[in-house]
Protein backbone atom coordinates (compact mmCIF):
# COMPACT_ATOMS: atom_id res chain seq x y z
CA UNK A 1 111.67 92.00 80.69
CA UNK A 2 109.68 89.31 82.60
CA UNK A 3 107.23 87.56 80.16
CA UNK A 4 104.41 87.94 82.84
CA UNK A 5 105.13 91.70 82.78
CA UNK A 6 104.09 91.89 79.08
CA UNK A 7 100.44 91.60 79.88
CA UNK A 8 99.68 93.70 83.09
CA UNK A 9 96.40 93.36 84.90
CA UNK A 10 93.56 95.32 83.60
CA UNK A 11 91.79 96.62 86.81
CA UNK A 12 88.60 97.01 84.66
CA UNK A 13 88.47 93.31 83.59
CA UNK A 14 87.22 90.58 85.81
CA UNK A 15 89.74 87.94 86.90
CA UNK A 16 89.58 84.28 85.76
CA UNK A 17 89.53 81.21 88.07
CA UNK A 18 92.28 82.79 90.17
CA UNK A 19 90.02 85.53 91.28
CA UNK A 20 90.58 86.20 94.95
CA UNK A 21 87.38 86.47 96.95
CA UNK A 22 87.64 89.05 99.85
CA UNK A 23 85.24 88.66 102.66
CA UNK A 24 84.27 91.63 104.66
CA UNK A 25 83.36 91.42 108.27
CA UNK A 26 84.33 92.70 111.81
CA UNK A 27 86.24 91.25 114.61
CA UNK A 28 84.53 90.32 118.01
CA UNK A 29 85.72 93.86 119.12
CA UNK A 30 84.14 95.65 116.19
CA UNK A 31 87.28 96.28 114.06
CA UNK A 32 87.10 95.94 110.29
CA UNK A 33 88.35 92.70 108.94
CA UNK A 34 88.97 91.31 105.54
CA UNK A 35 89.67 87.64 104.90
CA UNK A 36 91.05 86.05 101.68
CA UNK A 37 93.11 83.04 100.45
CA UNK A 38 96.63 83.62 99.05
CA UNK A 39 98.07 81.90 95.99
CA UNK A 40 99.21 79.07 98.05
CA UNK A 41 95.76 78.48 99.56
CA UNK A 42 96.70 80.03 102.95
CA UNK A 43 93.99 81.81 104.79
CA UNK A 44 95.04 85.48 105.23
CA UNK A 45 93.68 88.50 107.01
CA UNK A 46 93.75 92.33 106.73
CA UNK A 47 92.48 93.88 109.97
CA UNK A 48 92.21 97.36 111.36
CA UNK A 49 94.39 97.53 114.47
CA UNK A 50 93.14 98.40 117.97
CA UNK A 51 96.19 100.52 118.47
CA UNK A 52 95.11 103.86 120.16
CA UNK A 53 98.06 105.97 119.49
CA UNK A 54 97.92 105.80 115.57
CA UNK A 55 96.21 104.19 112.67
CA UNK A 56 97.55 100.74 111.94
CA UNK A 57 96.54 97.40 110.34
CA UNK A 58 97.38 93.74 110.73
CA UNK A 59 98.15 91.89 107.50
CA UNK A 60 99.42 88.44 106.86
CA UNK A 61 98.72 84.66 107.10
CA UNK A 62 96.18 83.74 109.70
CA UNK A 63 97.98 80.62 110.84
CA UNK A 64 101.66 79.65 110.33
CA UNK A 65 100.68 75.95 109.85
CA UNK A 66 104.20 74.75 110.55
CA UNK A 67 105.31 71.74 108.69
CA UNK A 68 108.36 69.43 108.57
CA UNK A 69 109.59 67.21 105.89
CA UNK A 70 108.32 63.70 106.37
CA UNK A 71 111.93 62.40 105.95
CA UNK A 72 113.06 64.37 109.03
CA UNK A 73 109.95 64.09 111.15
CA UNK A 74 111.08 61.20 113.27
CA UNK A 75 114.35 62.89 114.31
CA UNK A 76 112.29 65.84 115.70
CA UNK A 77 109.72 63.65 117.58
CA UNK A 78 106.94 63.76 114.95
CA UNK A 79 105.30 60.36 114.34
CA UNK A 80 104.02 59.80 110.72
CA UNK A 81 103.51 57.05 108.34
CA UNK A 82 104.16 59.52 105.47
CA UNK A 83 107.49 58.97 103.81
CA UNK A 84 107.69 62.06 101.55
CA UNK A 85 106.38 65.65 101.38
CA UNK A 86 105.46 67.86 104.39
CA UNK A 87 103.70 66.82 107.46
CA UNK A 88 102.25 68.88 110.30
CA UNK A 89 104.70 69.94 112.86
CA UNK A 90 103.00 70.34 116.27
CA UNK A 91 103.86 73.69 118.12
CA UNK A 92 103.26 73.73 122.04
CA UNK A 93 100.49 76.08 122.91
CA UNK A 94 103.11 78.11 124.87
CA UNK A 95 104.93 78.99 121.74
CA UNK A 96 103.77 82.07 119.59
CA UNK A 97 104.49 82.21 115.88
CA UNK A 98 104.01 85.80 114.54
CA UNK A 99 102.36 85.61 111.06
CA UNK A 100 101.06 89.06 110.54
CA UNK A 101 102.71 92.38 109.98
CA UNK A 102 101.55 95.33 112.12
CA UNK A 103 101.78 98.23 109.73
CA UNK A 104 101.11 101.99 110.47
CA UNK A 105 99.35 104.09 107.97
CA UNK A 106 102.68 105.75 107.19
CA UNK A 107 104.34 102.48 106.56
CA UNK A 108 101.48 101.43 104.12
CA UNK A 109 101.87 104.73 102.37
CA UNK A 110 105.68 103.90 101.68
CA UNK A 111 104.61 100.43 100.44
CA UNK A 112 101.97 101.58 97.99
CA UNK A 113 104.11 102.77 95.13
CA UNK A 114 105.97 99.54 95.18
CA UNK A 115 102.88 97.45 95.23
CA UNK A 116 101.33 99.66 92.40
CA UNK A 117 104.43 98.96 90.32
CA UNK A 118 104.00 95.35 90.88
CA UNK A 119 100.42 95.40 89.86
CA UNK A 120 101.31 97.25 86.60
CA UNK A 121 104.52 95.50 85.67
CA UNK A 122 104.94 92.39 87.67
CA UNK A 123 108.19 93.72 88.96
CA UNK A 124 109.41 95.54 92.07
């Protein structure tokens, strides 16, 4: 058994420094929106979809923030003085990077037992 799974999260206890703040708001078009930051510091959103045919949500990272290893940057036309680590990789405005899942109510229902097990045990 995973060592982390030996101490499942108690939903009645407050979280420590890693507590995730979820901000509640609405989109410009009035759809429910939740914003939060993931473990890696990426800005994420959970948003009610405007889909008219069925209930759905958008869930995922707000921006892909593409990066390239500094060592390879020049070979791909990215100028940088940085020699190690990751550097920003510019994407043309004509290119779309999909970062969010578009999930129906039925799909979320299928995922819930798996997510619940993860919350309780740390396993899938």
